[in-house]
């Protein structure tokens, strides 16, 4: 007994509409076949595809980082002298340092996180100098685990939203501001000042990490020499 034969045709109902429909018609080509026994009514099969979700309808995700920039002791500022401003890249580096501290589950932002902040920012002069001397983000992170340690994800106490500066980190940033005040050459406090401020804190984790990765007084002088160039900003 021969099996029945069907012929299927498809029709595109709407080509321009993203929510298109395909209309499938199933036609029996051998209706007199005795194998069927009864009549079969074939209903059209409509397939529809939902339009893709428009990206413009998605809510943007905004991330903000709040932090307090250090200020030099007002008594150190001479009459008529303005407290120097921070460069935008230095500000971003300090902001990134807070983020890195949170990633490491640290309750404070230390000198080690400040180094990471400078490297993560990625476009400043201090970053380029460190990378040229083999000091990279990955190497610094490895040294942080060796020097400072690693906190577990469920560490106690919980990590604050704004990890405050450690005493060493605050001193390093104050050094950066004071260095610019003493230079009296205009310009802004840059990432170069931050790295040199960290190096000035000889007992800080940041100083030890830089030293372990080959940074020394000679390299510090090389980095400091870039401050006295005509272009004093790292923008």
N, C-alpha and C. Protein backbone atom coordinates (compact mmCIF):
# COMPACT_ATOMS: atom_id res chain seq x y z
N UNK A 1 0.86 -1.20 0.00
CA UNK A 1 0.00 0.00 0.00
C UNK A 1 0.89 1.24 0.00
N UNK A 2 0.61 2.08 -0.95
CA UNK A 2 1.47 3.26 -1.09
C UNK A 2 1.17 4.29 -0.01
N UNK A 3 2.17 4.89 0.50
CA UNK A 3 1.99 5.93 1.51
C UNK A 3 1.52 7.21 0.86
N UNK A 4 0.77 8.02 1.58
CA UNK A 4 0.28 9.28 1.00
C UNK A 4 1.43 10.25 0.76
N UNK A 5 1.24 11.14 -0.17
CA UNK A 5 2.25 12.13 -0.51
C UNK A 5 1.72 13.51 -0.19
N UNK A 6 2.58 14.32 0.40
CA UNK A 6 2.20 15.68 0.74
C UNK A 6 3.15 16.65 0.06
N UNK A 7 2.67 17.79 -0.27
CA UNK A 7 3.50 18.84 -0.86
C UNK A 7 3.39 20.08 0.02
N UNK A 8 4.51 20.63 0.47
CA UNK A 8 4.52 21.77 1.39
C UNK A 8 5.02 23.00 0.68
N UNK A 9 4.28 24.08 0.79
CA UNK A 9 4.71 25.37 0.24
C UNK A 9 4.76 26.40 1.35
N UNK A 10 5.66 27.39 1.24
CA UNK A 10 5.81 28.43 2.26
C UNK A 10 5.60 29.79 1.64
N UNK A 11 4.91 30.64 2.35
CA UNK A 11 4.66 31.99 1.87
C UNK A 11 5.08 33.00 2.92
N UNK A 12 5.89 33.97 2.52
CA UNK A 12 6.31 35.03 3.43
C UNK A 12 5.23 36.10 3.45
N UNK A 13 4.51 36.18 4.58
CA UNK A 13 3.38 37.10 4.67
C UNK A 13 3.86 38.55 4.65
N UNK A 14 4.88 38.86 5.42
CA UNK A 14 5.37 40.25 5.49
C UNK A 14 6.87 40.24 5.51
N UNK A 15 7.50 40.80 4.50
CA UNK A 15 8.96 40.81 4.42
C UNK A 15 9.55 42.00 5.15
N UNK A 16 8.81 43.10 5.18
CA UNK A 16 9.34 44.33 5.79
C UNK A 16 9.18 44.37 7.29
N UNK A 17 8.18 43.64 7.81
CA UNK A 17 7.92 43.65 9.24
C UNK A 17 8.92 42.75 9.96
N UNK A 18 9.66 43.28 10.98
CA UNK A 18 10.61 42.41 11.70
C UNK A 18 9.93 41.21 12.32
N UNK A 19 8.65 41.38 12.72
CA UNK A 19 7.91 40.26 13.30
C UNK A 19 7.22 39.52 12.16
N UNK A 20 8.04 38.91 11.33
CA UNK A 20 7.51 38.27 10.13
C UNK A 20 6.81 36.97 10.46
N UNK A 21 5.97 36.52 9.51
CA UNK A 21 5.28 35.25 9.65
C UNK A 21 5.48 34.42 8.39
N UNK A 22 5.70 33.17 8.59
CA UNK A 22 5.80 32.23 7.47
C UNK A 22 4.55 31.38 7.46
N UNK A 23 3.82 31.39 6.35
CA UNK A 23 2.60 30.61 6.22
C UNK A 23 2.90 29.35 5.44
N UNK A 24 2.79 28.23 6.09
CA UNK A 24 3.09 26.95 5.48
C UNK A 24 1.77 26.26 5.10
N UNK A 25 1.59 25.92 3.83
CA UNK A 25 0.42 25.21 3.35
C UNK A 25 0.80 23.78 3.02
N UNK A 26 0.11 22.86 3.61
CA UNK A 26 0.38 21.45 3.39
C UNK A 26 -0.71 20.90 2.48
N UNK A 27 -0.34 20.45 1.29
CA UNK A 27 -1.30 20.01 0.29
C UNK A 27 -1.13 18.52 0.04
N UNK A 28 -2.23 17.80 0.09
CA UNK A 28 -2.21 16.36 -0.16
C UNK A 28 -2.20 16.13 -1.66
N UNK A 29 -1.18 15.48 -2.17
CA UNK A 29 -1.04 15.27 -3.61
C UNK A 29 -1.67 13.97 -4.08
N UNK A 30 -2.05 13.09 -3.15
CA UNK A 30 -2.67 11.82 -3.54
C UNK A 30 -3.89 11.57 -2.64
N UNK A 31 -5.00 12.31 -2.85
CA UNK A 31 -6.15 12.24 -1.94
C UNK A 31 -6.93 10.93 -2.02
N UNK A 32 -6.79 10.17 -3.07
CA UNK A 32 -7.56 8.95 -3.25
C UNK A 32 -6.87 7.72 -2.69
N UNK A 33 -5.80 7.91 -1.98
CA UNK A 33 -5.08 6.76 -1.45
C UNK A 33 -5.91 6.06 -0.38
N UNK A 34 -6.10 4.74 -0.52
CA UNK A 34 -6.94 3.99 0.41
C UNK A 34 -6.31 3.83 1.78
N UNK A 35 -5.04 4.15 1.90
CA UNK A 35 -4.32 4.01 3.18
C UNK A 35 -4.87 4.97 4.22
N UNK A 36 -5.46 6.08 3.76
CA UNK A 36 -5.93 7.11 4.67
C UNK A 36 -7.17 6.69 5.42
N UNK A 37 -8.15 6.15 4.71
CA UNK A 37 -9.38 5.71 5.38
C UNK A 37 -10.36 6.82 5.61
N UNK A 38 -9.90 7.95 6.07
CA UNK A 38 -10.77 9.11 6.30
C UNK A 38 -10.14 10.34 5.68
N UNK A 39 -10.97 11.36 5.54
CA UNK A 39 -10.47 12.60 5.00
C UNK A 39 -9.64 13.34 6.04
N UNK A 40 -8.62 13.97 5.59
CA UNK A 40 -7.74 14.74 6.48
C UNK A 40 -7.84 16.21 6.11
N UNK A 41 -8.11 17.01 7.11
CA UNK A 41 -8.15 18.46 6.90
C UNK A 41 -6.84 19.05 7.41
N UNK A 42 -6.12 19.62 6.51
CA UNK A 42 -4.80 20.16 6.86
C UNK A 42 -4.93 21.64 7.15
N UNK A 43 -4.53 22.04 8.37
CA UNK A 43 -4.58 23.45 8.77
C UNK A 43 -3.25 24.13 8.45
N UNK A 44 -3.28 25.36 7.96
CA UNK A 44 -2.02 26.10 7.73
C UNK A 44 -1.27 26.29 9.05
N UNK A 45 0.02 26.18 8.96
CA UNK A 45 0.87 26.36 10.15
C UNK A 45 1.56 27.72 10.08
N UNK A 46 1.31 28.55 11.04
CA UNK A 46 1.88 29.90 11.03
C UNK A 46 3.00 29.98 12.06
N UNK A 47 4.16 30.31 11.58
CA UNK A 47 5.32 30.48 12.46
C UNK A 47 5.62 31.95 12.56
N UNK A 48 5.79 32.43 13.74
CA UNK A 48 6.11 33.85 13.93
C UNK A 48 7.38 33.99 14.73
N UNK A 49 8.14 34.99 14.41
CA UNK A 49 9.38 35.27 15.14
C UNK A 49 9.24 36.62 15.82
N UNK A 50 9.54 36.66 17.10
CA UNK A 50 9.45 37.91 17.84
C UNK A 50 10.57 38.85 17.42
N UNK A 51 10.30 40.13 17.33
CA UNK A 51 11.36 41.07 16.95
C UNK A 51 12.41 41.15 18.02
N UNK A 52 13.67 41.38 17.65
CA UNK A 52 14.74 41.47 18.65
C UNK A 52 14.54 42.68 19.55
N UNK A 53 14.97 42.53 20.77
CA UNK A 53 14.85 43.63 21.73
C UNK A 53 15.77 44.76 21.31
N UNK A 54 15.23 45.92 21.20
CA UNK A 54 16.02 47.07 20.79
C UNK A 54 17.02 47.43 21.87
N UNK A 55 18.28 47.62 21.49
CA UNK A 55 19.31 47.97 22.45
C UNK A 55 19.04 49.33 23.08
N UNK A 56 18.38 50.19 22.27
CA UNK A 56 18.12 51.55 22.77
C UNK A 56 17.12 51.55 23.92
N UNK A 57 16.34 50.43 24.06
CA UNK A 57 15.36 50.36 25.13
C UNK A 57 15.96 49.87 26.44
N UNK A 58 17.18 49.38 26.39
CA UNK A 58 17.80 48.88 27.60
C UNK A 58 18.25 50.03 28.49
N UNK A 59 18.13 49.83 29.78
CA UNK A 59 18.56 50.86 30.71
C UNK A 59 20.07 50.88 30.81
N UNK A 60 20.68 52.03 30.64
CA UNK A 60 22.14 52.10 30.75
C UNK A 60 22.60 51.82 32.16
N UNK A 61 23.75 51.18 32.26
CA UNK A 61 24.32 50.87 33.57
C UNK A 61 25.37 51.92 33.87
N UNK A 62 25.19 52.64 34.92
CA UNK A 62 26.12 53.71 35.29
C UNK A 62 26.87 53.31 36.55
N UNK A 63 28.17 53.49 36.51
CA UNK A 63 29.00 53.18 37.68
C UNK A 63 29.75 54.44 38.08
N UNK A 64 29.67 54.79 39.31
CA UNK A 64 30.37 55.97 39.81
C UNK A 64 31.27 55.59 40.96
N UNK A 65 32.36 56.27 41.04
CA UNK A 65 33.31 56.03 42.12
C UNK A 65 33.53 57.35 42.84
N UNK A 66 33.31 57.35 44.12
CA UNK A 66 33.51 58.55 44.91
C UNK A 66 34.79 58.43 45.72
N UNK A 67 35.50 59.49 45.83
CA UNK A 67 36.72 59.47 46.61
C UNK A 67 37.07 60.88 47.03
N UNK A 68 37.91 60.98 48.04
CA UNK A 68 38.35 62.27 48.53
C UNK A 68 39.81 62.47 48.16
N UNK A 69 40.09 63.56 47.49
CA UNK A 69 41.47 63.86 47.13
C UNK A 69 42.17 64.49 48.31
N UNK A 70 43.45 64.18 48.48
CA UNK A 70 44.18 64.75 49.60
C UNK A 70 44.48 66.23 49.38
N UNK A 71 44.55 66.95 50.44
CA UNK A 71 44.91 68.36 50.36
C UNK A 71 46.10 68.61 51.28
N UNK A 72 46.97 69.46 50.84
CA UNK A 72 48.15 69.76 51.64
C UNK A 72 47.75 70.59 52.86
N UNK A 73 48.57 70.53 53.87
CA UNK A 73 48.33 71.33 55.08
C UNK A 73 48.29 72.81 54.69
N UNK A 74 47.17 73.50 54.99
CA UNK A 74 47.05 74.92 54.60
C UNK A 74 48.20 75.78 55.09
N UNK A 75 48.82 75.41 56.24
CA UNK A 75 49.90 76.20 56.78
C UNK A 75 51.14 76.15 55.89
N UNK A 76 51.23 75.13 55.02
CA UNK A 76 52.40 75.02 54.14
C UNK A 76 52.27 75.89 52.90
N UNK A 77 51.06 76.38 52.63
CA UNK A 77 50.83 77.21 51.45
C UNK A 77 51.20 78.65 51.76
N UNK A 78 52.10 79.20 50.97
CA UNK A 78 52.54 80.58 51.20
C UNK A 78 51.43 81.56 50.85
N UNK A 79 51.44 82.73 51.45
CA UNK A 79 50.42 83.75 51.13
C UNK A 79 50.40 84.04 49.63
N UNK A 80 49.22 84.01 49.05
CA UNK A 80 49.08 84.27 47.63
C UNK A 80 49.34 83.06 46.75
N UNK A 81 49.76 81.96 47.36
CA UNK A 81 50.03 80.75 46.59
C UNK A 81 48.79 79.84 46.60
N UNK A 82 48.44 79.35 45.44
CA UNK A 82 47.26 78.49 45.34
C UNK A 82 47.65 77.02 45.50
N UNK A 83 46.76 76.28 46.13
CA UNK A 83 46.99 74.84 46.23
C UNK A 83 46.88 74.24 44.84
N UNK A 84 47.87 73.48 44.41
CA UNK A 84 47.85 72.95 43.05
C UNK A 84 46.70 71.98 42.81
N UNK A 85 46.25 71.93 41.57
CA UNK A 85 45.18 71.03 41.20
C UNK A 85 45.75 69.69 40.74
N UNK A 86 44.90 68.67 40.81
CA UNK A 86 45.27 67.36 40.33
C UNK A 86 44.92 67.24 38.85
N UNK A 87 45.76 66.56 38.10
CA UNK A 87 45.45 66.32 36.70
C UNK A 87 44.29 65.32 36.63
N UNK A 88 43.60 65.33 35.50
CA UNK A 88 42.45 64.42 35.36
C UNK A 88 42.88 62.96 35.41
N UNK A 89 44.07 62.66 34.91
CA UNK A 89 44.56 61.27 34.93
C UNK A 89 44.97 60.85 36.33
N UNK A 90 45.46 61.79 37.11
CA UNK A 90 45.79 61.48 38.50
C UNK A 90 44.51 61.22 39.29
N UNK A 91 43.48 62.03 39.03
CA UNK A 91 42.20 61.84 39.70
C UNK A 91 41.62 60.47 39.35
N UNK A 92 41.68 60.13 38.06
CA UNK A 92 41.15 58.83 37.64
C UNK A 92 41.96 57.70 38.26
N UNK A 93 43.26 57.88 38.38
CA UNK A 93 44.11 56.84 38.97
C UNK A 93 43.74 56.59 40.42
N UNK A 94 43.49 57.66 41.17
CA UNK A 94 43.09 57.51 42.57
C UNK A 94 41.72 56.83 42.65
N UNK A 95 40.84 57.19 41.72
CA UNK A 95 39.53 56.55 41.67
C UNK A 95 39.67 55.05 41.39
N UNK A 96 40.53 54.70 40.44
CA UNK A 96 40.76 53.30 40.11
C UNK A 96 41.42 52.54 41.26
N UNK A 97 42.21 53.26 42.05
CA UNK A 97 42.86 52.63 43.21
C UNK A 97 41.80 52.14 44.20
N UNK A 98 40.76 52.94 44.40
CA UNK A 98 39.67 52.51 45.28
C UNK A 98 38.99 51.26 44.74
N UNK A 99 38.78 51.24 43.43
CA UNK A 99 38.15 50.08 42.80
C UNK A 99 39.02 48.83 42.99
N UNK A 100 40.32 48.99 42.78
CA UNK A 100 41.24 47.86 42.93
C UNK A 100 41.29 47.37 44.38
N UNK A 101 41.21 48.29 45.32
CA UNK A 101 41.20 47.91 46.73
C UNK A 101 39.97 47.05 47.03
N UNK A 102 38.84 47.44 46.46
CA UNK A 102 37.61 46.66 46.66
C UNK A 102 37.73 45.28 46.02
N UNK A 103 38.34 45.21 44.85
CA UNK A 103 38.52 43.92 44.18
C UNK A 103 39.37 42.98 45.03
N UNK A 104 40.35 43.56 45.71
CA UNK A 104 41.25 42.76 46.55
C UNK A 104 40.63 42.49 47.92
N UNK A 105 39.42 42.97 48.14
CA UNK A 105 38.72 42.79 49.42
C UNK A 105 39.45 43.47 50.57
N UNK A 106 40.11 44.60 50.28
CA UNK A 106 40.80 45.37 51.31
C UNK A 106 39.85 46.40 51.88
N UNK A 107 39.94 46.63 53.16
CA UNK A 107 39.08 47.62 53.81
C UNK A 107 39.64 49.03 53.70
N UNK A 108 40.87 49.15 53.20
CA UNK A 108 41.50 50.46 53.00
C UNK A 108 42.17 50.51 51.64
N UNK A 109 42.35 51.72 51.15
CA UNK A 109 43.09 51.93 49.90
C UNK A 109 44.52 52.28 50.26
N UNK A 110 45.43 51.38 50.01
CA UNK A 110 46.82 51.58 50.40
C UNK A 110 47.72 51.97 49.24
N UNK A 111 48.99 52.10 49.52
CA UNK A 111 49.95 52.48 48.48
C UNK A 111 50.02 51.43 47.37
N UNK A 112 49.78 50.16 47.74
CA UNK A 112 49.79 49.11 46.72
C UNK A 112 48.63 49.30 45.73
N UNK A 113 47.47 49.73 46.23
CA UNK A 113 46.32 49.98 45.36
C UNK A 113 46.55 51.22 44.49
N UNK A 114 47.27 52.20 45.03
CA UNK A 114 47.58 53.40 44.25
C UNK A 114 48.44 53.06 43.03
N UNK A 115 49.38 52.13 43.21
CA UNK A 115 50.20 51.71 42.06
C UNK A 115 49.31 51.08 41.00
N UNK A 116 48.40 50.21 41.44
CA UNK A 116 47.48 49.59 40.49
C UNK A 116 46.61 50.63 39.80
N UNK A 117 46.16 51.64 40.55
CA UNK A 117 45.34 52.68 39.95
C UNK A 117 46.04 53.40 38.83
N UNK A 118 47.33 53.71 39.04
CA UNK A 118 48.13 54.38 38.01
C UNK A 118 48.26 53.48 36.78
N UNK A 119 48.47 52.19 37.00
CA UNK A 119 48.64 51.27 35.88
C UNK A 119 47.32 51.00 35.16
N UNK A 120 46.24 50.90 35.91
CA UNK A 120 44.94 50.63 35.30
C UNK A 120 44.48 51.82 34.45
N UNK A 121 44.77 53.04 34.89
CA UNK A 121 44.39 54.21 34.10
C UNK A 121 44.98 54.08 32.69
N UNK A 122 46.23 53.68 32.61
CA UNK A 122 46.79 53.21 31.35
C UNK A 122 47.38 54.19 30.37
N UNK A 123 47.08 55.49 30.48
CA UNK A 123 47.56 56.44 29.47
C UNK A 123 48.49 57.51 30.02
N UNK A 124 48.77 57.46 31.32
CA UNK A 124 49.58 58.51 31.93
C UNK A 124 51.07 58.22 31.78
N UNK A 125 51.88 59.23 32.05
CA UNK A 125 53.32 59.11 31.88
C UNK A 125 53.95 58.13 32.86
N UNK A 126 53.48 58.15 34.10
CA UNK A 126 54.03 57.23 35.10
C UNK A 126 53.76 55.78 34.71
N UNK A 127 52.58 55.52 34.18
CA UNK A 127 52.24 54.18 33.71
C UNK A 127 53.20 53.73 32.62
N UNK A 128 53.45 54.61 31.67
CA UNK A 128 54.35 54.27 30.56
C UNK A 128 55.76 54.01 31.07
N UNK A 129 56.20 54.79 32.06
CA UNK A 129 57.54 54.60 32.61
C UNK A 129 57.63 53.26 33.34
N UNK A 130 56.62 52.95 34.14
CA UNK A 130 56.64 51.68 34.89
C UNK A 130 56.62 50.49 33.94
N UNK A 131 55.77 50.55 32.94
CA UNK A 131 55.67 49.44 31.99
C UNK A 131 56.96 49.27 31.20
N UNK A 132 57.60 50.40 30.87
CA UNK A 132 58.87 50.33 30.14
C UNK A 132 59.95 49.66 30.98
N UNK A 133 59.77 49.69 32.30
CA UNK A 133 60.73 49.06 33.20
C UNK A 133 60.21 47.71 33.74
N UNK A 134 59.26 47.15 33.03
CA UNK A 134 58.80 45.80 33.35
C UNK A 134 57.84 45.69 34.52
N UNK A 135 57.30 46.81 34.97
CA UNK A 135 56.37 46.80 36.09
C UNK A 135 54.95 46.87 35.53
N UNK A 136 54.27 45.72 35.50
CA UNK A 136 52.94 45.62 34.90
C UNK A 136 51.87 45.37 35.96
N UNK A 137 50.63 45.45 35.52
CA UNK A 137 49.50 45.22 36.43
C UNK A 137 49.57 43.83 37.04
N UNK A 138 49.82 42.83 36.19
CA UNK A 138 49.83 41.45 36.67
C UNK A 138 50.95 41.20 37.67
N UNK A 139 52.12 41.77 37.41
CA UNK A 139 53.24 41.59 38.34
C UNK A 139 52.96 42.27 39.67
N UNK A 140 52.35 43.45 39.61
CA UNK A 140 52.04 44.17 40.86
C UNK A 140 51.00 43.40 41.67
N UNK A 141 50.01 42.85 40.99
CA UNK A 141 48.99 42.06 41.71
C UNK A 141 49.61 40.84 42.37
N UNK A 142 50.53 40.19 41.68
CA UNK A 142 51.21 39.04 42.28
C UNK A 142 52.01 39.45 43.51
N UNK A 143 52.69 40.60 43.42
CA UNK A 143 53.49 41.07 44.54
C UNK A 143 52.60 41.49 45.72
N UNK A 144 51.44 42.01 45.42
CA UNK A 144 50.52 42.41 46.50
C UNK A 144 50.14 41.20 47.33
N UNK A 145 49.88 40.08 46.67
CA UNK A 145 49.53 38.85 47.39
C UNK A 145 50.70 38.41 48.27
N UNK A 146 51.94 38.56 47.77
CA UNK A 146 53.11 38.15 48.53
C UNK A 146 53.39 39.09 49.71
N UNK A 147 53.23 40.39 49.46
CA UNK A 147 53.61 41.38 50.47
C UNK A 147 52.47 41.65 51.46
N UNK A 148 51.26 41.82 50.95
CA UNK A 148 50.14 42.21 51.80
C UNK A 148 49.27 41.01 52.16
N UNK A 149 49.13 40.08 51.24
CA UNK A 149 48.25 38.94 51.47
C UNK A 149 46.99 39.06 50.64
N UNK A 150 46.13 38.08 50.78
CA UNK A 150 44.90 38.02 50.01
C UNK A 150 43.73 37.74 50.94
N UNK A 151 42.69 38.53 50.81
CA UNK A 151 41.49 38.33 51.61
C UNK A 151 40.50 37.46 50.88
N UNK A 152 39.78 36.65 51.62
CA UNK A 152 38.76 35.80 51.01
C UNK A 152 37.53 36.63 50.67
N UNK A 153 36.70 36.09 49.80
CA UNK A 153 35.53 36.83 49.34
C UNK A 153 34.55 37.11 50.47
N UNK A 154 34.53 36.23 51.48
CA UNK A 154 33.63 36.43 52.61
C UNK A 154 34.41 36.94 53.82
N UNK A 155 35.35 37.83 53.55
CA UNK A 155 36.20 38.35 54.62
C UNK A 155 35.39 39.21 55.58
N UNK A 156 35.87 39.28 56.79
CA UNK A 156 35.25 40.08 57.84
C UNK A 156 36.32 41.02 58.38
N UNK A 157 36.05 42.32 58.53
CA UNK A 157 34.78 42.99 58.28
C UNK A 157 34.51 43.18 56.78
N UNK A 158 33.28 43.51 56.41
CA UNK A 158 32.95 43.69 55.00
C UNK A 158 33.70 44.87 54.39
N UNK A 159 33.91 44.81 53.09
CA UNK A 159 34.63 45.88 52.40
C UNK A 159 33.72 47.09 52.26
N UNK A 160 34.16 48.27 52.70
CA UNK A 160 33.31 49.46 52.58
C UNK A 160 33.19 49.91 51.13
N UNK A 161 32.15 50.66 50.84
CA UNK A 161 31.94 51.16 49.48
C UNK A 161 33.05 52.12 49.07
N UNK A 162 33.55 52.87 50.03
CA UNK A 162 34.65 53.81 49.77
C UNK A 162 35.79 53.49 50.73
N UNK A 163 36.66 52.57 50.35
CA UNK A 163 37.77 52.22 51.24
C UNK A 163 38.65 53.43 51.51
N UNK A 164 38.76 53.88 52.76
CA UNK A 164 39.55 55.07 53.07
C UNK A 164 41.04 54.82 52.86
N UNK A 165 41.78 55.89 52.69
CA UNK A 165 43.22 55.79 52.50
C UNK A 165 43.91 55.32 53.77
N UNK A 166 44.91 54.49 53.59
CA UNK A 166 45.75 54.14 54.73
C UNK A 166 46.63 55.35 55.06
N UNK A 167 47.25 55.31 56.22
CA UNK A 167 48.13 56.42 56.60
C UNK A 167 49.27 56.59 55.61
N UNK A 168 49.84 55.45 55.16
CA UNK A 168 50.93 55.52 54.19
C UNK A 168 50.47 56.13 52.86
N UNK A 169 49.30 55.73 52.41
CA UNK A 169 48.78 56.25 51.14
C UNK A 169 48.50 57.74 51.24
N UNK A 170 47.93 58.16 52.37
CA UNK A 170 47.65 59.57 52.56
C UNK A 170 48.94 60.39 52.57
N UNK A 171 49.94 59.86 53.24
CA UNK A 171 51.23 60.57 53.28
C UNK A 171 51.85 60.66 51.89
N UNK A 172 51.70 59.59 51.10
CA UNK A 172 52.26 59.59 49.74
C UNK A 172 51.58 60.65 48.88
N UNK A 173 50.27 60.78 49.03
CA UNK A 173 49.54 61.78 48.24
C UNK A 173 49.82 63.20 48.75
N UNK A 174 49.98 63.34 50.05
CA UNK A 174 50.36 64.64 50.59
C UNK A 174 51.75 65.04 50.09
N UNK A 175 52.63 64.06 50.02
CA UNK A 175 53.99 64.32 49.49
C UNK A 175 53.89 64.83 48.07
N UNK A 176 53.00 64.23 47.29
CA UNK A 176 52.83 64.64 45.89
C UNK A 176 52.38 66.10 45.80
N UNK A 177 51.44 66.48 46.65
CA UNK A 177 50.96 67.86 46.64
C UNK A 177 52.07 68.81 47.09
N UNK A 178 52.76 68.44 48.15
CA UNK A 178 53.84 69.30 48.67
C UNK A 178 54.98 69.44 47.67
N UNK A 179 55.26 68.37 46.93
CA UNK A 179 56.31 68.41 45.91
C UNK A 179 55.97 69.45 44.85
N UNK A 180 54.72 69.48 44.45
CA UNK A 180 54.30 70.46 43.45
C UNK A 180 54.33 71.87 44.04
N UNK A 181 53.96 72.03 45.31
CA UNK A 181 54.01 73.34 45.94
C UNK A 181 55.42 73.90 45.98
N UNK A 182 56.38 73.03 46.31
CA UNK A 182 57.77 73.47 46.42
C UNK A 182 58.38 73.79 45.06
N UNK A 183 57.90 73.15 44.02
CA UNK A 183 58.48 73.38 42.70
C UNK A 183 58.14 74.76 42.17
N UNK A 184 56.94 75.24 42.49
CA UNK A 184 56.51 76.58 42.08
C UNK A 184 56.67 76.78 40.57
N UNK A 185 56.39 75.71 39.82
CA UNK A 185 56.54 75.80 38.36
C UNK A 185 55.20 75.70 37.64
N UNK A 186 54.12 75.85 38.38
CA UNK A 186 52.82 75.76 37.74
C UNK A 186 52.46 74.32 37.43
N UNK A 187 51.45 74.16 36.64
CA UNK A 187 51.04 72.82 36.27
C UNK A 187 50.22 72.13 37.34
N UNK A 188 50.09 70.84 37.19
CA UNK A 188 49.22 70.07 38.08
C UNK A 188 49.98 68.94 38.77
N UNK A 189 49.35 68.38 39.78
CA UNK A 189 49.90 67.20 40.44
C UNK A 189 49.52 66.00 39.58
N UNK A 190 50.52 65.24 39.17
CA UNK A 190 50.30 64.17 38.20
C UNK A 190 50.53 62.79 38.80
N UNK A 191 50.34 61.79 37.97
CA UNK A 191 50.59 60.41 38.39
C UNK A 191 52.07 60.19 38.71
N UNK A 192 52.93 60.95 38.08
CA UNK A 192 54.36 60.87 38.39
C UNK A 192 54.61 61.24 39.84
N UNK A 193 53.94 62.29 40.30
CA UNK A 193 54.06 62.69 41.70
C UNK A 193 53.55 61.59 42.63
N UNK A 194 52.48 60.91 42.21
CA UNK A 194 51.92 59.85 43.04
C UNK A 194 52.92 58.72 43.23
N UNK A 195 53.52 58.26 42.14
CA UNK A 195 54.50 57.16 42.23
C UNK A 195 55.70 57.58 43.07
N UNK A 196 56.18 58.80 42.88
CA UNK A 196 57.31 59.27 43.67
C UNK A 196 56.92 59.42 45.14
N UNK A 197 55.66 59.80 45.39
CA UNK A 197 55.18 59.89 46.77
C UNK A 197 55.16 58.52 47.43
N UNK A 198 54.76 57.52 46.68
CA UNK A 198 54.77 56.15 47.20
C UNK A 198 56.20 55.70 47.50
N UNK A 199 57.12 56.04 46.61
CA UNK A 199 58.51 55.66 46.80
C UNK A 199 59.11 56.36 48.02
N UNK A 200 58.61 57.53 48.36
CA UNK A 200 59.13 58.28 49.51
C UNK A 200 58.73 57.62 50.83
N UNK A 201 57.66 56.82 50.81
CA UNK A 201 57.22 56.12 52.02
C UNK A 201 57.92 54.76 52.07
N UNK A 202 59.14 54.77 52.60
CA UNK A 202 60.00 53.58 52.52
C UNK A 202 59.46 52.37 53.29
N UNK A 203 58.60 52.59 54.24
CA UNK A 203 58.06 51.47 55.01
C UNK A 203 56.70 50.99 54.50
N UNK A 204 56.26 51.56 53.41
CA UNK A 204 54.93 51.21 52.90
C UNK A 204 54.99 49.97 52.02
N UNK A 205 53.86 49.24 51.90
CA UNK A 205 53.81 48.09 51.01
C UNK A 205 54.10 48.47 49.56
N UNK A 206 53.63 49.65 49.15
CA UNK A 206 53.87 50.09 47.78
C UNK A 206 55.35 50.23 47.47
N UNK A 207 56.11 50.80 48.42
CA UNK A 207 57.55 50.95 48.23
C UNK A 207 58.21 49.58 48.08
N UNK A 208 57.83 48.64 48.93
CA UNK A 208 58.40 47.30 48.87
C UNK A 208 58.07 46.61 47.55
N UNK A 209 56.85 46.77 47.10
CA UNK A 209 56.43 46.14 45.83
C UNK A 209 57.22 46.72 44.66
N UNK A 210 57.36 48.04 44.63
CA UNK A 210 58.14 48.66 43.56
C UNK A 210 59.59 48.18 43.61
N UNK A 211 60.15 48.10 44.82
CA UNK A 211 61.54 47.65 44.98
C UNK A 211 61.70 46.21 44.51
N UNK A 212 60.75 45.36 44.86
CA UNK A 212 60.81 43.95 44.44
C UNK A 212 60.76 43.79 42.93
N UNK A 213 60.14 44.76 42.27
CA UNK A 213 60.00 44.69 40.81
C UNK A 213 61.08 45.49 40.08
N UNK A 214 62.13 45.90 40.80
CA UNK A 214 63.28 46.53 40.15
C UNK A 214 63.32 48.04 40.18
N UNK A 215 62.34 48.68 40.79
CA UNK A 215 62.35 50.13 40.90
C UNK A 215 63.31 50.53 42.01
N UNK A 216 64.17 51.53 41.74
CA UNK A 216 65.14 51.96 42.74
C UNK A 216 65.30 53.47 42.70
N UNK A 217 66.25 53.99 43.49
CA UNK A 217 66.45 55.44 43.56
C UNK A 217 66.87 56.01 42.20
N UNK A 218 67.63 55.25 41.44
CA UNK A 218 68.06 55.71 40.12
C UNK A 218 66.86 55.90 39.21
N UNK A 219 65.97 54.93 39.22
CA UNK A 219 64.77 55.03 38.38
C UNK A 219 63.85 56.13 38.90
N UNK A 220 63.84 56.33 40.21
CA UNK A 220 63.03 57.41 40.78
C UNK A 220 63.52 58.77 40.27
N UNK A 221 64.83 58.92 40.17
CA UNK A 221 65.38 60.18 39.65
C UNK A 221 65.05 60.35 38.18
N UNK A 222 65.07 59.25 37.43
CA UNK A 222 64.71 59.32 36.01
C UNK A 222 63.25 59.75 35.85
N UNK A 223 62.40 59.18 36.69
CA UNK A 223 60.99 59.55 36.64
C UNK A 223 60.78 60.99 37.07
N UNK A 224 61.53 61.41 38.11
CA UNK A 224 61.40 62.78 38.59
C UNK A 224 61.86 63.80 37.56
N UNK A 225 62.83 63.41 36.75
CA UNK A 225 63.33 64.34 35.74
C UNK A 225 62.26 64.70 34.72
N UNK A 226 61.28 63.82 34.55
CA UNK A 226 60.22 64.11 33.59
C UNK A 226 59.31 65.24 34.08
N UNK A 227 59.32 65.50 35.38
CA UNK A 227 58.47 66.56 35.94
C UNK A 227 58.98 67.93 35.52
N UNK A 228 60.28 68.07 35.40
CA UNK A 228 60.88 69.37 35.11
C UNK A 228 60.88 69.72 33.63
N UNK A 229 60.33 68.83 32.81
CA UNK A 229 60.29 69.11 31.37
C UNK A 229 59.26 70.20 31.07
N UNK A 230 59.31 70.67 29.86
CA UNK A 230 58.40 71.76 29.47
C UNK A 230 56.95 71.36 29.68
N UNK A 231 56.63 70.11 29.32
CA UNK A 231 55.27 69.64 29.51
C UNK A 231 55.20 69.00 30.90
N UNK A 232 54.59 69.73 31.82
CA UNK A 232 54.57 69.26 33.21
C UNK A 232 53.35 68.43 33.53
N UNK A 233 52.38 68.41 32.65
CA UNK A 233 51.18 67.62 32.88
C UNK A 233 51.29 66.29 32.17
N UNK A 234 50.55 65.30 32.60
CA UNK A 234 50.57 64.00 31.94
C UNK A 234 49.31 63.80 31.12
N UNK A 235 48.73 64.89 30.64
CA UNK A 235 47.52 64.80 29.85
C UNK A 235 47.84 64.49 28.39
